[in-house]
Amino acid sequence: MTPQQTLALRLTRNPDHGRAAPCASVNLPLLETQDYARRHAYARANPAPVLVNHRQYYALLDRLVRQAWSGLGERCRLFVQLRLPAMDLALPASLLDARVTVGAGLAREAAQRAGLDPAPVAWIAAERVRRDLWDAGDNTLRLAFWNAGQPDPAALLLPALDALAPRFLDLTDGGPAADATR
């Protein structure tokens, strides 16, 4: 089923800009010469900055899920695509709700669900949001909506992203959200 709306945004600012915040980055212990060699072997040449730490990432997903329910209704089914969770943080309660499916490669499952049930369906792909220097992401967040019952369902979620100053990306060339339409 083709989505009603597909959108890709590049996040450009830390949500806590202008405020002092304690550092939340975790660095591997570098005690021996081999540790430095291992770190260098996994280093990435990535020009995209790290904008959020793991805690801010989960807070962002929590805001998006809650905003979807607020704007699209409590019956909205959400498919949240993300990378591996942080080892020392629990997922927010909203992501563990029965109306939310969390995993990888969920665009087709979201489309299938939309074809089976008239309830609104939202797909949120946040696996490209960099949380640390090891992530290969480019801070792109992708959204797709089915059965939303409104002409611009993405506009309902955008307030949750204001602090991150999102910039819209062009999808006409089969860009980053193209897999939501398959």
N, C-alpha and C. Protein backbone atom coordinates (compact mmCIF):
# COMPACT_ATOMS: atom_id res chain seq x y z
N MET A 1 0.83 -1.17 0.00
CA MET A 1 0.00 0.00 0.00
C MET A 1 0.89 1.25 0.00
N THR A 2 0.58 2.19 -0.85
CA THR A 2 1.36 3.42 -0.95
C THR A 2 1.02 4.36 0.20
N PRO A 3 2.04 4.97 0.83
CA PRO A 3 1.76 5.86 1.94
C PRO A 3 1.00 7.11 1.49
N GLN A 4 0.21 7.63 2.37
CA GLN A 4 -0.51 8.88 2.12
C GLN A 4 0.48 10.03 2.06
N GLN A 5 1.51 9.99 2.91
CA GLN A 5 2.53 11.03 2.94
C GLN A 5 3.85 10.42 3.38
N THR A 6 4.93 10.83 2.71
CA THR A 6 6.28 10.40 3.07
C THR A 6 7.14 11.64 3.20
N LEU A 7 7.97 11.64 4.20
CA LEU A 7 8.74 12.84 4.50
C LEU A 7 10.11 12.44 5.06
N ALA A 8 11.13 13.17 4.68
CA ALA A 8 12.47 12.98 5.25
C ALA A 8 12.97 14.32 5.75
N LEU A 9 13.55 14.30 6.93
CA LEU A 9 14.06 15.51 7.56
C LEU A 9 15.48 15.27 8.04
N ARG A 10 16.32 16.28 7.91
CA ARG A 10 17.65 16.19 8.48
C ARG A 10 17.68 17.08 9.72
N LEU A 11 18.02 16.49 10.84
CA LEU A 11 18.11 17.23 12.09
C LEU A 11 19.41 18.01 12.09
N THR A 12 19.37 19.27 12.50
CA THR A 12 20.56 20.12 12.36
C THR A 12 21.06 20.74 13.65
N ARG A 13 20.37 20.50 14.77
CA ARG A 13 20.78 21.17 16.00
C ARG A 13 20.51 20.26 17.20
N ASN A 14 21.34 20.40 18.21
CA ASN A 14 21.14 19.67 19.46
C ASN A 14 19.89 20.21 20.15
N PRO A 15 19.06 19.34 20.72
CA PRO A 15 17.83 19.82 21.36
C PRO A 15 18.07 20.69 22.59
N ASP A 16 19.26 20.62 23.17
CA ASP A 16 19.57 21.42 24.35
C ASP A 16 20.45 22.62 24.00
N HIS A 17 20.41 23.07 22.73
CA HIS A 17 21.28 24.18 22.33
C HIS A 17 21.04 25.39 23.23
N GLY A 18 22.12 26.09 23.54
CA GLY A 18 22.02 27.27 24.38
C GLY A 18 21.96 26.97 25.88
N ARG A 19 21.98 25.70 26.26
CA ARG A 19 21.95 25.32 27.68
C ARG A 19 23.14 24.45 28.00
N ALA A 20 23.69 24.64 29.16
CA ALA A 20 24.78 23.78 29.60
C ALA A 20 24.20 22.43 30.00
N ALA A 21 24.85 21.36 29.57
CA ALA A 21 24.40 20.01 29.90
C ALA A 21 25.62 19.15 30.17
N PRO A 22 25.51 18.24 31.12
CA PRO A 22 26.67 17.36 31.38
C PRO A 22 26.94 16.47 30.16
N CYS A 23 28.19 16.18 29.95
CA CYS A 23 28.58 15.31 28.85
C CYS A 23 28.04 13.90 29.09
N ALA A 24 27.47 13.32 28.06
CA ALA A 24 26.90 11.98 28.20
C ALA A 24 27.59 10.99 27.28
N SER A 25 28.71 11.39 26.67
CA SER A 25 29.39 10.46 25.77
C SER A 25 30.15 9.42 26.58
N VAL A 26 30.25 8.26 26.00
CA VAL A 26 30.97 7.17 26.64
C VAL A 26 32.15 6.83 25.75
N ASN A 27 33.31 6.81 26.31
CA ASN A 27 34.50 6.50 25.53
C ASN A 27 35.05 5.17 26.01
N LEU A 28 35.57 4.42 25.07
CA LEU A 28 36.20 3.16 25.43
C LEU A 28 37.45 3.42 26.24
N PRO A 29 37.73 2.59 27.22
CA PRO A 29 38.98 2.79 27.98
C PRO A 29 40.18 2.51 27.07
N LEU A 30 41.08 3.44 27.02
CA LEU A 30 42.28 3.31 26.20
C LEU A 30 43.48 3.18 27.13
N LEU A 31 43.82 1.94 27.45
CA LEU A 31 44.86 1.70 28.44
C LEU A 31 46.16 1.18 27.82
N GLU A 32 46.03 0.47 26.70
CA GLU A 32 47.22 -0.13 26.10
C GLU A 32 47.31 0.27 24.63
N THR A 33 48.44 0.03 24.02
CA THR A 33 48.66 0.38 22.63
C THR A 33 47.63 -0.28 21.72
N GLN A 34 47.27 -1.53 22.00
CA GLN A 34 46.29 -2.25 21.18
C GLN A 34 44.92 -1.57 21.23
N ASP A 35 44.57 -0.95 22.37
CA ASP A 35 43.29 -0.25 22.50
C ASP A 35 43.19 0.89 21.49
N TYR A 36 44.27 1.62 21.32
CA TYR A 36 44.28 2.72 20.35
C TYR A 36 44.16 2.19 18.93
N ALA A 37 44.81 1.08 18.66
CA ALA A 37 44.73 0.47 17.33
C ALA A 37 43.31 0.00 17.02
N ARG A 38 42.66 -0.60 18.01
CA ARG A 38 41.27 -1.05 17.82
C ARG A 38 40.35 0.14 17.58
N ARG A 39 40.54 1.20 18.35
CA ARG A 39 39.71 2.39 18.19
C ARG A 39 39.90 2.97 16.79
N HIS A 40 41.12 3.03 16.33
CA HIS A 40 41.40 3.56 15.00
C HIS A 40 40.78 2.68 13.91
N ALA A 41 40.76 1.37 14.12
CA ALA A 41 40.19 0.45 13.13
C ALA A 41 38.68 0.67 12.94
N TYR A 42 38.01 1.11 13.99
CA TYR A 42 36.56 1.32 13.91
C TYR A 42 36.17 2.78 13.70
N ALA A 43 37.14 3.66 13.58
CA ALA A 43 36.84 5.08 13.40
C ALA A 43 36.15 5.28 12.05
N ARG A 44 35.26 6.24 12.01
CA ARG A 44 34.53 6.56 10.79
C ARG A 44 34.83 8.00 10.39
N ALA A 45 35.01 8.20 9.10
CA ALA A 45 35.14 9.56 8.58
C ALA A 45 33.73 10.01 8.21
N ASN A 46 33.04 10.60 9.14
CA ASN A 46 31.65 10.99 8.94
C ASN A 46 31.52 12.48 9.23
N PRO A 47 31.12 13.27 8.21
CA PRO A 47 31.01 14.72 8.44
C PRO A 47 29.75 15.12 9.23
N ALA A 48 28.81 14.20 9.41
CA ALA A 48 27.58 14.52 10.15
C ALA A 48 27.90 14.61 11.64
N PRO A 49 27.52 15.69 12.29
CA PRO A 49 27.82 15.81 13.72
C PRO A 49 26.93 14.91 14.56
N VAL A 50 27.39 14.59 15.74
CA VAL A 50 26.56 13.90 16.73
C VAL A 50 25.73 14.98 17.40
N LEU A 51 24.41 14.92 17.25
CA LEU A 51 23.53 15.95 17.80
C LEU A 51 22.84 15.54 19.08
N VAL A 52 22.63 14.24 19.25
CA VAL A 52 21.91 13.77 20.44
C VAL A 52 22.69 12.60 21.06
N ASN A 53 22.58 12.51 22.37
CA ASN A 53 23.13 11.33 23.04
C ASN A 53 22.01 10.30 23.14
N HIS A 54 22.28 9.17 23.73
CA HIS A 54 21.28 8.11 23.81
C HIS A 54 20.03 8.55 24.56
N ARG A 55 20.18 9.27 25.64
CA ARG A 55 19.03 9.72 26.44
C ARG A 55 18.17 10.69 25.62
N GLN A 56 18.81 11.63 24.91
CA GLN A 56 18.07 12.58 24.08
C GLN A 56 17.38 11.88 22.92
N TYR A 57 18.02 10.85 22.39
CA TYR A 57 17.45 10.06 21.29
C TYR A 57 16.14 9.40 21.73
N TYR A 58 16.16 8.76 22.89
CA TYR A 58 14.94 8.13 23.40
C TYR A 58 13.87 9.17 23.73
N ALA A 59 14.29 10.32 24.26
CA ALA A 59 13.33 11.39 24.55
C ALA A 59 12.68 11.88 23.25
N LEU A 60 13.46 11.98 22.18
CA LEU A 60 12.92 12.38 20.88
C LEU A 60 11.90 11.37 20.39
N LEU A 61 12.22 10.09 20.45
CA LEU A 61 11.28 9.06 20.01
C LEU A 61 10.01 9.07 20.86
N ASP A 62 10.16 9.27 22.16
CA ASP A 62 9.02 9.35 23.05
C ASP A 62 8.11 10.52 22.66
N ARG A 63 8.70 11.69 22.38
CA ARG A 63 7.91 12.85 21.96
C ARG A 63 7.18 12.58 20.66
N LEU A 64 7.86 11.95 19.70
CA LEU A 64 7.23 11.66 18.41
C LEU A 64 6.05 10.70 18.56
N VAL A 65 6.21 9.66 19.35
CA VAL A 65 5.14 8.69 19.56
C VAL A 65 3.95 9.35 20.25
N ARG A 66 4.22 10.10 21.28
CA ARG A 66 3.13 10.78 22.01
C ARG A 66 2.43 11.82 21.12
N GLN A 67 3.21 12.52 20.31
CA GLN A 67 2.64 13.51 19.39
C GLN A 67 1.77 12.82 18.34
N ALA A 68 2.18 11.65 17.89
CA ALA A 68 1.37 10.90 16.91
C ALA A 68 0.03 10.51 17.52
N TRP A 69 0.04 10.02 18.73
CA TRP A 69 -1.23 9.66 19.38
C TRP A 69 -2.10 10.89 19.61
N SER A 70 -1.47 11.99 19.96
CA SER A 70 -2.22 13.22 20.21
C SER A 70 -2.86 13.74 18.92
N GLY A 71 -2.11 13.71 17.82
CA GLY A 71 -2.61 14.27 16.57
C GLY A 71 -3.43 13.32 15.71
N LEU A 72 -3.05 12.05 15.71
CA LEU A 72 -3.72 11.08 14.83
C LEU A 72 -4.71 10.20 15.56
N GLY A 73 -4.74 10.29 16.86
CA GLY A 73 -5.69 9.51 17.65
C GLY A 73 -5.04 8.36 18.39
N GLU A 74 -5.70 7.93 19.43
CA GLU A 74 -5.19 6.86 20.28
C GLU A 74 -5.11 5.51 19.57
N ARG A 75 -5.87 5.36 18.48
CA ARG A 75 -5.85 4.09 17.73
C ARG A 75 -4.67 3.98 16.77
N CYS A 76 -3.91 5.05 16.63
CA CYS A 76 -2.79 5.07 15.69
C CYS A 76 -1.79 3.98 16.06
N ARG A 77 -1.39 3.21 15.05
CA ARG A 77 -0.37 2.18 15.20
C ARG A 77 0.95 2.77 14.73
N LEU A 78 1.99 2.56 15.50
CA LEU A 78 3.30 3.14 15.19
C LEU A 78 4.33 2.06 14.96
N PHE A 79 5.14 2.27 13.95
CA PHE A 79 6.25 1.38 13.63
C PHE A 79 7.51 2.23 13.73
N VAL A 80 8.30 2.00 14.78
CA VAL A 80 9.47 2.81 15.06
C VAL A 80 10.71 2.00 14.73
N GLN A 81 11.42 2.46 13.73
CA GLN A 81 12.61 1.78 13.23
C GLN A 81 13.82 2.47 13.84
N LEU A 82 14.63 1.71 14.59
CA LEU A 82 15.79 2.31 15.24
C LEU A 82 16.95 1.35 15.26
N ARG A 83 18.10 1.88 15.66
CA ARG A 83 19.29 1.05 15.78
C ARG A 83 19.30 0.40 17.14
N LEU A 84 20.33 -0.34 17.42
CA LEU A 84 20.44 -1.02 18.71
C LEU A 84 20.24 -0.04 19.86
N PRO A 85 19.54 -0.47 20.89
CA PRO A 85 19.34 0.42 22.03
C PRO A 85 20.63 0.59 22.84
N ALA A 86 20.65 1.62 23.67
CA ALA A 86 21.78 1.84 24.56
C ALA A 86 21.78 0.74 25.62
N MET A 87 22.94 0.31 26.01
CA MET A 87 23.05 -0.79 26.96
C MET A 87 22.58 -0.41 28.37
N ASP A 88 22.73 0.85 28.74
CA ASP A 88 22.44 1.23 30.12
C ASP A 88 21.16 2.03 30.29
N LEU A 89 20.34 2.13 29.25
CA LEU A 89 19.09 2.89 29.33
C LEU A 89 17.91 2.02 28.95
N ALA A 90 16.82 2.19 29.67
CA ALA A 90 15.58 1.49 29.32
C ALA A 90 14.84 2.31 28.27
N LEU A 91 14.12 1.61 27.40
CA LEU A 91 13.28 2.31 26.44
C LEU A 91 12.16 3.03 27.19
N PRO A 92 11.71 4.19 26.68
CA PRO A 92 10.58 4.87 27.31
C PRO A 92 9.33 3.98 27.26
N ALA A 93 8.44 4.16 28.22
CA ALA A 93 7.21 3.36 28.29
C ALA A 93 6.39 3.47 27.02
N SER A 94 6.40 4.62 26.37
CA SER A 94 5.60 4.79 25.15
C SER A 94 6.06 3.83 24.04
N LEU A 95 7.35 3.51 23.99
CA LEU A 95 7.86 2.60 22.96
C LEU A 95 7.57 1.14 23.28
N LEU A 96 7.14 0.87 24.50
CA LEU A 96 6.79 -0.49 24.91
C LEU A 96 5.29 -0.72 24.89
N ASP A 97 4.53 0.28 24.45
CA ASP A 97 3.08 0.19 24.36
C ASP A 97 2.69 -0.84 23.29
N ALA A 98 1.57 -1.50 23.47
CA ALA A 98 1.12 -2.53 22.53
C ALA A 98 0.83 -1.97 21.14
N ARG A 99 0.61 -0.66 21.01
CA ARG A 99 0.34 -0.04 19.71
C ARG A 99 1.60 0.31 18.95
N VAL A 100 2.76 0.01 19.53
CA VAL A 100 4.04 0.37 18.93
C VAL A 100 4.82 -0.90 18.62
N THR A 101 5.36 -0.96 17.41
CA THR A 101 6.27 -2.03 17.03
C THR A 101 7.65 -1.40 16.86
N VAL A 102 8.64 -1.91 17.56
CA VAL A 102 10.00 -1.39 17.50
C VAL A 102 10.87 -2.44 16.84
N GLY A 103 11.71 -2.01 15.90
CA GLY A 103 12.60 -2.96 15.25
C GLY A 103 13.34 -2.32 14.10
N ALA A 104 13.76 -3.15 13.15
CA ALA A 104 14.48 -2.69 11.96
C ALA A 104 13.71 -3.14 10.72
N GLY A 105 13.80 -2.37 9.66
CA GLY A 105 13.17 -2.73 8.40
C GLY A 105 11.66 -2.86 8.50
N LEU A 106 10.98 -1.89 9.08
CA LEU A 106 9.55 -2.01 9.36
C LEU A 106 8.64 -1.33 8.34
N ALA A 107 9.17 -0.75 7.28
CA ALA A 107 8.33 -0.01 6.32
C ALA A 107 7.28 -0.92 5.67
N ARG A 108 7.69 -2.09 5.24
CA ARG A 108 6.72 -3.01 4.60
C ARG A 108 5.68 -3.51 5.59
N GLU A 109 6.09 -3.78 6.80
CA GLU A 109 5.15 -4.22 7.82
C GLU A 109 4.12 -3.12 8.12
N ALA A 110 4.56 -1.86 8.16
CA ALA A 110 3.65 -0.74 8.39
C ALA A 110 2.64 -0.64 7.24
N ALA A 111 3.13 -0.77 6.01
CA ALA A 111 2.24 -0.70 4.85
C ALA A 111 1.23 -1.85 4.86
N GLN A 112 1.68 -3.02 5.23
CA GLN A 112 0.78 -4.17 5.30
C GLN A 112 -0.29 -3.96 6.37
N ARG A 113 0.11 -3.45 7.52
CA ARG A 113 -0.85 -3.18 8.60
C ARG A 113 -1.88 -2.15 8.14
N ALA A 114 -1.44 -1.13 7.42
CA ALA A 114 -2.35 -0.09 6.94
C ALA A 114 -3.38 -0.66 5.97
N GLY A 115 -3.00 -1.68 5.21
CA GLY A 115 -3.94 -2.30 4.29
C GLY A 115 -4.95 -3.21 4.97
N LEU A 116 -4.65 -3.65 6.17
CA LEU A 116 -5.54 -4.57 6.90
C LEU A 116 -6.49 -3.88 7.86
N ASP A 117 -6.16 -2.66 8.27
CA ASP A 117 -6.92 -1.97 9.31
C ASP A 117 -7.07 -0.50 8.92
N PRO A 118 -8.27 0.08 9.05
CA PRO A 118 -8.44 1.49 8.68
C PRO A 118 -7.85 2.49 9.69
N ALA A 119 -7.31 2.01 10.80
CA ALA A 119 -6.72 2.91 11.80
C ALA A 119 -5.48 3.60 11.21
N PRO A 120 -5.18 4.80 11.67
CA PRO A 120 -3.96 5.48 11.19
C PRO A 120 -2.71 4.67 11.52
N VAL A 121 -1.76 4.72 10.61
CA VAL A 121 -0.47 4.03 10.79
C VAL A 121 0.63 5.05 10.51
N ALA A 122 1.63 5.10 11.39
CA ALA A 122 2.78 5.97 11.20
C ALA A 122 4.06 5.15 11.29
N TRP A 123 4.98 5.41 10.38
CA TRP A 123 6.29 4.76 10.35
C TRP A 123 7.32 5.84 10.67
N ILE A 124 8.12 5.63 11.68
CA ILE A 124 9.16 6.57 12.09
C ILE A 124 10.49 5.83 12.01
N ALA A 125 11.34 6.25 11.09
CA ALA A 125 12.65 5.61 10.93
C ALA A 125 13.72 6.54 11.48
N ALA A 126 14.28 6.16 12.60
CA ALA A 126 15.26 7.01 13.28
C ALA A 126 16.63 6.35 13.38
N GLU A 127 16.86 5.32 12.58
CA GLU A 127 18.13 4.60 12.69
C GLU A 127 19.30 5.39 12.12
N ARG A 128 19.06 6.47 11.40
CA ARG A 128 20.15 7.28 10.85
C ARG A 128 20.52 8.47 11.72
N VAL A 129 19.90 8.58 12.88
CA VAL A 129 20.24 9.66 13.80
C VAL A 129 21.48 9.25 14.59
N ARG A 130 22.55 10.02 14.48
CA ARG A 130 23.81 9.69 15.15
C ARG A 130 23.70 9.97 16.64
N ARG A 131 24.10 8.99 17.45
CA ARG A 131 24.10 9.15 18.89
C ARG A 131 25.50 9.15 19.47
N ASP A 132 26.43 8.65 18.73
CA ASP A 132 27.82 8.67 19.19
C ASP A 132 28.74 8.60 17.98
N LEU A 133 30.02 8.69 18.22
CA LEU A 133 30.98 8.76 17.12
C LEU A 133 31.08 7.46 16.33
N TRP A 134 30.53 6.36 16.83
CA TRP A 134 30.59 5.09 16.14
C TRP A 134 29.44 4.93 15.16
N ASP A 135 28.37 5.71 15.30
CA ASP A 135 27.23 5.62 14.39
C ASP A 135 27.59 6.14 13.01
N ALA A 136 27.06 5.49 12.00
CA ALA A 136 27.33 5.88 10.62
C ALA A 136 26.24 6.79 10.05
N GLY A 137 25.32 7.24 10.85
CA GLY A 137 24.16 7.99 10.38
C GLY A 137 24.47 9.38 9.88
N ASP A 138 23.43 9.99 9.28
CA ASP A 138 23.54 11.36 8.76
C ASP A 138 22.49 12.28 9.37
N ASN A 139 21.91 11.88 10.50
CA ASN A 139 20.89 12.65 11.22
C ASN A 139 19.61 12.84 10.43
N THR A 140 19.28 11.85 9.60
CA THR A 140 18.04 11.89 8.83
C THR A 140 16.97 11.11 9.59
N LEU A 141 15.80 11.70 9.66
CA LEU A 141 14.63 11.07 10.25
C LEU A 141 13.60 10.95 9.14
N ARG A 142 13.05 9.75 8.95
CA ARG A 142 12.07 9.52 7.87
C ARG A 142 10.72 9.17 8.47
N LEU A 143 9.67 9.69 7.85
CA LEU A 143 8.30 9.46 8.32
C LEU A 143 7.42 9.05 7.14
N ALA A 144 6.47 8.18 7.41
CA ALA A 144 5.45 7.83 6.41
C ALA A 144 4.15 7.60 7.16
N PHE A 145 3.04 7.92 6.49
CA PHE A 145 1.72 7.83 7.12
C PHE A 145 0.74 7.18 6.17
N TRP A 146 -0.13 6.35 6.73
CA TRP A 146 -1.21 5.71 6.00
C TRP A 146 -2.50 5.94 6.80
N ASN A 147 -3.61 6.03 6.11
CA ASN A 147 -4.95 6.11 6.74
C ASN A 147 -5.06 7.23 7.77
N ALA A 148 -4.35 8.32 7.56
CA ALA A 148 -4.29 9.37 8.58
C ALA A 148 -5.56 10.22 8.65
N GLY A 149 -6.32 10.28 7.56
CA GLY A 149 -7.56 11.03 7.58
C GLY A 149 -7.37 12.54 7.56
N GLN A 150 -6.18 13.02 7.26
CA GLN A 150 -5.92 14.44 7.13
C GLN A 150 -4.92 14.67 6.01
N PRO A 151 -4.94 15.85 5.40
CA PRO A 151 -4.08 16.08 4.24
C PRO A 151 -2.58 16.14 4.56
N ASP A 152 -2.20 16.55 5.76
CA ASP A 152 -0.79 16.71 6.11
C ASP A 152 -0.50 16.14 7.50
N PRO A 153 -0.52 14.81 7.64
CA PRO A 153 -0.32 14.22 8.97
C PRO A 153 1.05 14.51 9.56
N ALA A 154 2.07 14.69 8.72
CA ALA A 154 3.41 14.96 9.25
C ALA A 154 3.45 16.26 10.04
N ALA A 155 2.62 17.23 9.65
CA ALA A 155 2.59 18.51 10.35
C ALA A 155 2.22 18.34 11.82
N LEU A 156 1.51 17.27 12.13
CA LEU A 156 1.13 17.01 13.52
C LEU A 156 2.31 16.55 14.36
N LEU A 157 3.33 15.96 13.73
CA LEU A 157 4.49 15.48 14.47
C LEU A 157 5.63 16.49 14.51
N LEU A 158 5.62 17.45 13.60
CA LEU A 158 6.73 18.39 13.50
C LEU A 158 6.99 19.20 14.78
N PRO A 159 5.97 19.57 15.57
CA PRO A 159 6.29 20.29 16.81
C PRO A 159 7.22 19.51 17.74
N ALA A 160 7.20 18.21 17.70
CA ALA A 160 8.08 17.40 18.54
C ALA A 160 9.54 17.53 18.10
N LEU A 161 9.77 18.06 16.90
CA LEU A 161 11.13 18.18 16.35
C LEU A 161 11.66 19.60 16.36
N ASP A 162 10.88 20.56 16.79
CA ASP A 162 11.27 21.97 16.70
C ASP A 162 12.65 22.26 17.27
N ALA A 163 12.97 21.71 18.42
CA ALA A 163 14.25 21.99 19.07
C ALA A 163 15.44 21.50 18.25
N LEU A 164 15.21 20.57 17.31
CA LEU A 164 16.29 20.01 16.51
C LEU A 164 16.43 20.70 15.15
N ALA A 165 15.65 21.74 14.90
CA ALA A 165 15.71 22.54 13.67
C ALA A 165 15.77 21.65 12.42
N PRO A 166 14.72 20.85 12.17
CA PRO A 166 14.76 19.94 11.01
C PRO A 166 14.71 20.68 9.68
N ARG A 167 15.41 20.13 8.69
CA ARG A 167 15.37 20.64 7.31
C ARG A 167 14.78 19.55 6.44
N PHE A 168 13.84 19.92 5.58
CA PHE A 168 13.18 18.95 4.71
C PHE A 168 14.13 18.51 3.61
N LEU A 169 14.08 17.23 3.25
CA LEU A 169 14.88 16.68 2.16
C LEU A 169 13.97 16.33 1.00
N ASP A 170 14.48 16.44 -0.20
CA ASP A 170 13.71 16.14 -1.41
C ASP A 170 13.63 14.64 -1.61
N LEU A 171 12.42 14.12 -1.77
CA LEU A 171 12.22 12.68 -1.94
C LEU A 171 11.90 12.30 -3.38
N THR A 172 11.87 13.27 -4.28
CA THR A 172 11.48 12.97 -5.66
C THR A 172 12.50 12.10 -6.39
N ASP A 173 13.72 12.06 -5.91
CA ASP A 173 14.76 11.26 -6.57
C ASP A 173 14.91 9.89 -5.92
N GLY A 174 13.89 9.46 -5.18
CA GLY A 174 13.99 8.16 -4.51
C GLY A 174 14.91 8.24 -3.32
N GLY A 175 14.95 9.40 -2.67
CA GLY A 175 15.83 9.69 -1.56
C GLY A 175 15.69 8.78 -0.37
N PRO A 176 16.05 9.26 0.81
CA PRO A 176 16.17 8.42 1.98
C PRO A 176 14.88 7.76 2.45
N ALA A 177 13.73 8.23 2.07
CA ALA A 177 12.49 7.61 2.53
C ALA A 177 11.88 6.72 1.45
N ALA A 178 12.61 6.43 0.42
CA ALA A 178 12.07 5.63 -0.69
C ALA A 178 11.62 4.26 -0.25
N ASP A 179 12.29 3.67 0.75
CA ASP A 179 11.88 2.32 1.16
C ASP A 179 10.54 2.31 1.87
N ALA A 180 9.98 3.45 2.22
CA ALA A 180 8.63 3.49 2.82
C ALA A 180 7.55 3.31 1.77
N THR A 181 7.91 3.50 0.50
CA THR A 181 6.90 3.40 -0.55
C THR A 181 6.88 2.05 -1.23
N ARG A 182 7.78 1.17 -0.85
CA ARG A 182 7.83 -0.15 -1.48
C ARG A 182 6.87 -1.11 -0.82
